[in-house]
Amino acid sequence: MTITISEIPLSPDNQQFNISLADTTYKMRLLWRDAAGWIMDMQDSGGNPMITGIPLVTGVDLLAQYAFMGFGFSLYVGCDDSTQEYPTKIDIGNGSHLYIVQS
């Protein structure tokens, strides 16, 4: 089995974009919320909410609790500083990264 890891390019701004993962197009939205940090929402290609309010934290598959939805990929956050648990407002896409893992 081959595992493919790739990075979703981000910038330290609130953002929304379309992305094709596992042969399906999704809309992703990332928002900075001061008290909660970076939060991600996923919608289907028609803009219908699928998952809302996922906090971006390191060390866990962000989609693990949604395995029943059969996405066919995992999402992980990694920080260049190993002691950092969350991306900061200004380092997402630079010192903190969102990775797609597909097998």
Protein backbone atom coordinates (compact mmCIF):
# COMPACT_ATOMS: atom_id res chain seq x y z
CA MET A 1 0.00 0.00 0.00
CA THR A 2 1.30 3.42 -0.97
CA ILE A 3 0.68 6.35 1.32
CA THR A 4 0.66 9.82 -0.22
CA ILE A 5 1.16 12.91 1.93
CA SER A 6 0.69 16.37 0.48
CA GLU A 7 0.26 19.83 1.92
CA ILE A 8 -2.74 22.07 1.38
CA PRO A 9 -1.19 25.51 0.76
CA LEU A 10 -2.56 28.03 3.24
CA SER A 11 -1.91 31.62 4.20
CA PRO A 12 -2.40 33.37 7.55
CA ASP A 13 -5.78 34.79 6.50
CA ASN A 14 -9.37 33.65 6.74
CA GLN A 15 -9.90 31.72 3.53
CA GLN A 16 -12.29 29.61 1.52
CA PHE A 17 -11.37 27.46 -1.46
CA ASN A 18 -12.35 24.43 -3.53
CA ILE A 19 -10.12 21.38 -3.36
CA SER A 20 -10.28 18.00 -5.07
CA LEU A 21 -9.49 15.11 -2.73
CA ALA A 22 -10.01 11.40 -3.43
CA ASP A 23 -11.83 12.24 -6.69
CA THR A 24 -14.34 14.54 -4.94
CA THR A 25 -14.45 18.33 -4.84
CA TYR A 26 -14.95 19.97 -1.45
CA LYS A 27 -15.17 23.53 -0.27
CA MET A 28 -12.97 24.24 2.73
CA ARG A 29 -13.17 27.29 4.92
CA LEU A 30 -10.61 28.22 7.56
CA LEU A 31 -11.40 30.97 10.03
CA TRP A 32 -9.37 32.48 12.85
CA ARG A 33 -11.40 32.77 16.04
CA ASP A 34 -9.42 34.50 18.77
CA ALA A 35 -10.49 32.28 21.67
CA ALA A 36 -10.57 29.02 19.67
CA GLY A 37 -7.75 29.45 17.14
CA TRP A 38 -8.08 28.17 13.57
CA ILE A 39 -11.36 26.41 12.78
CA MET A 40 -12.10 24.45 9.59
CA ASP A 41 -15.43 23.76 7.90
CA MET A 42 -15.99 21.39 4.98
CA GLN A 43 -18.83 21.57 2.48
CA ASP A 44 -19.70 19.47 -0.53
CA SER A 45 -19.22 20.97 -3.99
CA GLY A 46 -22.73 22.47 -3.84
CA GLY A 47 -21.93 24.37 -0.64
CA ASN A 48 -23.92 22.08 1.67
CA PRO A 49 -22.29 21.78 5.12
CA MET A 50 -20.67 18.42 5.85
CA ILE A 51 -18.52 19.19 8.89
CA THR A 52 -18.32 22.44 10.81
CA GLY A 53 -16.10 23.74 13.57
CA ILE A 54 -13.09 21.40 13.41
CA PRO A 55 -10.30 22.95 15.52
CA LEU A 56 -6.88 22.70 13.90
CA VAL A 57 -4.74 20.86 16.44
CA THR A 58 -1.57 18.84 15.95
CA GLY A 59 -1.05 15.12 16.38
CA VAL A 60 -4.51 13.79 15.49
CA ASP A 61 -6.45 12.89 12.37
CA LEU A 62 -8.91 15.78 12.17
CA LEU A 63 -11.40 13.54 10.35
CA ALA A 64 -11.10 10.42 12.56
CA GLN A 65 -14.45 10.99 14.25
CA TYR A 66 -16.06 11.30 10.81
CA ALA A 67 -14.73 7.98 9.43
CA PHE A 68 -18.32 6.85 8.82
CA MET A 69 -18.53 9.51 6.09
CA GLY A 70 -15.97 7.61 3.99
CA PHE A 71 -13.82 10.52 2.85
CA GLY A 72 -10.93 8.27 1.75
CA PHE A 73 -8.28 10.57 3.22
CA SER A 74 -7.12 12.00 6.53
CA LEU A 75 -6.16 15.54 7.52
CA TYR A 76 -3.36 16.36 9.95
CA VAL A 77 -1.82 19.58 11.23
CA GLY A 78 1.91 19.76 11.77
CA CYS A 79 3.97 22.59 13.25
CA ASP A 80 7.64 23.20 12.55
CA ASP A 81 8.10 23.82 16.30
CA SER A 82 7.50 20.41 17.91
CA THR A 83 6.36 22.01 21.19
CA GLN A 84 3.55 23.93 19.47
CA GLU A 85 0.10 22.32 19.75
CA TYR A 86 -1.87 24.76 17.59
CA PRO A 87 -1.15 26.93 14.57
CA THR A 88 -0.93 30.58 15.55
CA LYS A 89 -2.82 33.36 13.84
CA ILE A 90 0.24 34.38 11.84
CA ASP A 91 2.08 31.10 11.16
CA ILE A 92 -0.51 28.95 9.41
CA GLY A 93 0.87 28.01 6.00
CA ASN A 94 4.37 29.06 7.07
CA GLY A 95 5.33 27.41 10.38
CA SER A 96 2.15 25.32 10.67
CA HIS A 97 0.84 23.13 7.88
CA LEU A 98 -2.30 21.19 6.91
CA TYR A 99 -1.53 17.79 5.39
CA ILE A 100 -3.66 15.35 3.41
CA VAL A 101 -2.83 11.67 3.89
CA GLN A 102 -4.20 9.22 1.33
CA SER A 103 -3.58 5.50 1.06
